[in-house]
Every structure is written in structure tokens, then in C-alpha cells.
Amino acid sequence: MAEPRHFPTPWRIVELEECVKMVDAAGMSMAYFYLADDPERRTTMQRMSREEARKFAQAFAMLPDLREPLQEAMGLRLA
């Protein structure tokens, strides 16, 4: 079986024109949160506002910090 893919920390948030993306320390894009600044376009395209996209990206960026405490709480071995 192939080794699981790892995304080295720190992760950073990069804001682009129509999305906010998460990038790992090696520069690999990990996630995109698509947005629309225009409220009508947001509704039509079912996209988030820029602020909502930033909040999702910030929550996503906290995942590495939560990994170890969550695994310890669940009694799992760390990789």
C-alpha cells in the first residue's frame, strides 16, 4: 500500500481573485475555497463571500494543531 501523503507545516493562506487557497510549506496547494464578491453572482454560483472563504481557510489551517490532541484523546498512535 502507498504511503499516506503528508502536507508539511506551516500551512499558509493565499488569497486570489476568485478563491482563497491553502498551501503547505513545500508550496503544494491543498484546498481551494471559492468565493464571489458580488452578492448576486454569489447566489447564482453558490459561492461564499470573501470573509466566509477566509474563515473556512483559517479553520482548515488549524487542523495540524488539532491533530495530536485529537489522536491522543481517541487513543490513536501518532504516525
C-alpha atoms as a PDB file:
ATOM      1  CA  MET A   1       0.000   0.000   0.000  1.00  0.00           C
ATOM      2  CA  ALA A   2       1.265   3.515  -0.810  1.00  0.00           C
ATOM      3  CA  GLU A   3       2.463   5.767   1.987  1.00  0.00           C
ATOM      4  CA  PRO A   4      -0.088   8.394   3.040  1.00  0.00           C
ATOM      5  CA  ARG A   5       0.583  11.831   1.681  1.00  0.00           C
ATOM      6  CA  HIS A   6       1.843  14.396   4.180  1.00  0.00           C
ATOM      7  CA  PHE A   7       1.480  18.159   3.967  1.00  0.00           C
ATOM      8  CA  PRO A   8       4.332  19.793   5.911  1.00  0.00           C
ATOM      9  CA  THR A   9       3.505  22.697   8.167  1.00  0.00           C
ATOM     10  CA  PRO A  10       3.293  25.629   8.377  1.00  0.00           C
ATOM     11  CA  TRP A  11       0.306  25.969   6.109  1.00  0.00           C
ATOM     12  CA  ARG A  12      -0.481  29.365   4.692  1.00  0.00           C
ATOM     13  CA  ILE A  13      -3.496  31.095   3.244  1.00  0.00           C
ATOM     14  CA  VAL A  14      -3.148  32.649  -0.204  1.00  0.00           C
ATOM     15  CA  GLU A  15      -5.873  34.999  -1.431  1.00  0.00           C
ATOM     16  CA  LEU A  16      -6.545  35.030  -5.156  1.00  0.00           C
ATOM     17  CA  GLU A  17      -9.161  36.883  -7.201  1.00  0.00           C
ATOM     18  CA  GLU A  18     -11.893  34.223  -7.003  1.00  0.00           C
ATOM     19  CA  CYS A  19     -10.670  31.896  -4.268  1.00  0.00           C
ATOM     20  CA  VAL A  20      -8.677  31.504  -1.101  1.00  0.00           C
ATOM     21  CA  LYS A  21      -6.298  28.549  -1.180  1.00  0.00           C
ATOM     22  CA  MET A  22      -4.279  26.646   1.379  1.00  0.00           C
ATOM     23  CA  VAL A  23      -0.644  25.923   0.579  1.00  0.00           C
ATOM     24  CA  ASP A  24       1.721  23.712   2.584  1.00  0.00           C
ATOM     25  CA  ALA A  25       5.348  24.541   3.453  1.00  0.00           C
ATOM     26  CA  ALA A  26       6.533  22.874   0.225  1.00  0.00           C
ATOM     27  CA  GLY A  27       4.245  25.057  -1.906  1.00  0.00           C
ATOM     28  CA  MET A  28       1.719  22.281  -2.670  1.00  0.00           C
ATOM     29  CA  SER A  29      -1.873  23.512  -2.984  1.00  0.00           C
ATOM     30  CA  MET A  30      -4.092  21.563  -0.605  1.00  0.00           C
ATOM     31  CA  ALA A  31      -7.524  23.198  -0.701  1.00  0.00           C
ATOM     32  CA  TYR A  32      -9.430  25.900  -2.543  1.00  0.00           C
ATOM     33  CA  PHE A  33     -12.347  27.897  -1.104  1.00  0.00           C
ATOM     34  CA  TYR A  34     -14.160  29.582  -3.979  1.00  0.00           C
ATOM     35  CA  LEU A  35     -15.775  32.966  -3.494  1.00  0.00           C
ATOM     36  CA  ALA A  36     -17.598  35.743  -5.296  1.00  0.00           C
ATOM     37  CA  ASP A  37     -17.505  39.365  -4.192  1.00  0.00           C
ATOM     38  CA  ASP A  38     -20.754  40.292  -5.960  1.00  0.00           C
ATOM     39  CA  PRO A  39     -23.817  39.178  -3.891  1.00  0.00           C
ATOM     40  CA  GLU A  40     -25.897  38.325  -6.990  1.00  0.00           C
ATOM     41  CA  ARG A  41     -23.101  36.250  -8.500  1.00  0.00           C
ATOM     42  CA  ARG A  42     -22.551  34.567  -5.131  1.00  0.00           C
ATOM     43  CA  THR A  43     -26.176  33.421  -5.080  1.00  0.00           C
ATOM     44  CA  THR A  44     -26.168  32.269  -8.701  1.00  0.00           C
ATOM     45  CA  MET A  45     -22.871  30.394  -8.435  1.00  0.00           C
ATOM     46  CA  GLN A  46     -23.456  29.189  -4.847  1.00  0.00           C
ATOM     47  CA  ARG A  47     -20.158  30.621  -3.629  1.00  0.00           C
ATOM     48  CA  MET A  48     -19.065  32.111  -0.321  1.00  0.00           C
ATOM     49  CA  SER A  49     -18.262  35.717   0.430  1.00  0.00           C
ATOM     50  CA  ARG A  50     -14.567  36.634   0.719  1.00  0.00           C
ATOM     51  CA  GLU A  51     -14.883  36.805   4.515  1.00  0.00           C
ATOM     52  CA  GLU A  52     -16.572  33.376   4.700  1.00  0.00           C
ATOM     53  CA  ALA A  53     -13.854  31.854   2.494  1.00  0.00           C
ATOM     54  CA  ARG A  54     -11.159  33.365   4.755  1.00  0.00           C
ATOM     55  CA  LYS A  55     -12.852  31.919   7.862  1.00  0.00           C
ATOM     56  CA  PHE A  56     -13.052  28.437   6.305  1.00  0.00           C
ATOM     57  CA  ALA A  57      -9.377  28.657   5.295  1.00  0.00           C
ATOM     58  CA  GLN A  58      -8.385  29.757   8.811  1.00  0.00           C
ATOM     59  CA  ALA A  59     -10.299  26.846  10.350  1.00  0.00           C
ATOM     60  CA  PHE A  60      -8.657  24.466   7.849  1.00  0.00           C
ATOM     61  CA  ALA A  61      -5.224  25.893   8.720  1.00  0.00           C
ATOM     62  CA  MET A  62      -5.746  24.957  12.391  1.00  0.00           C
ATOM     63  CA  LEU A  63      -6.087  21.247  11.560  1.00  0.00           C
ATOM     64  CA  PRO A  64      -2.385  20.352  12.080  1.00  0.00           C
ATOM     65  CA  ASP A  65      -2.538  21.908  15.567  1.00  0.00           C
ATOM     66  CA  LEU A  66      -5.592  19.804  16.410  1.00  0.00           C
ATOM     67  CA  ARG A  67      -4.210  16.517  15.056  1.00  0.00           C
ATOM     68  CA  GLU A  68      -2.087  15.432  18.022  1.00  0.00           C
ATOM     69  CA  PRO A  69      -4.593  16.309  20.803  1.00  0.00           C
ATOM     70  CA  LEU A  70      -7.404  14.637  18.858  1.00  0.00           C
ATOM     71  CA  GLN A  71      -5.382  11.452  18.294  1.00  0.00           C
ATOM     72  CA  GLU A  72      -4.360  11.345  21.953  1.00  0.00           C
ATOM     73  CA  ALA A  73      -7.976  11.820  23.050  1.00  0.00           C
ATOM     74  CA  MET A  74      -9.064   8.981  20.785  1.00  0.00           C
ATOM     75  CA  GLY A  75      -6.216   6.729  21.944  1.00  0.00           C
ATOM     76  CA  LEU A  76      -4.630   6.521  18.484  1.00  0.00           C
ATOM     77  CA  ARG A  77      -0.888   6.213  17.742  1.00  0.00           C
ATOM     78  CA  LEU A  78       0.742   9.152  16.040  1.00  0.00           C
ATOM     79  CA  ALA A  79       2.232   8.476  12.615  1.00  0.00           C
END
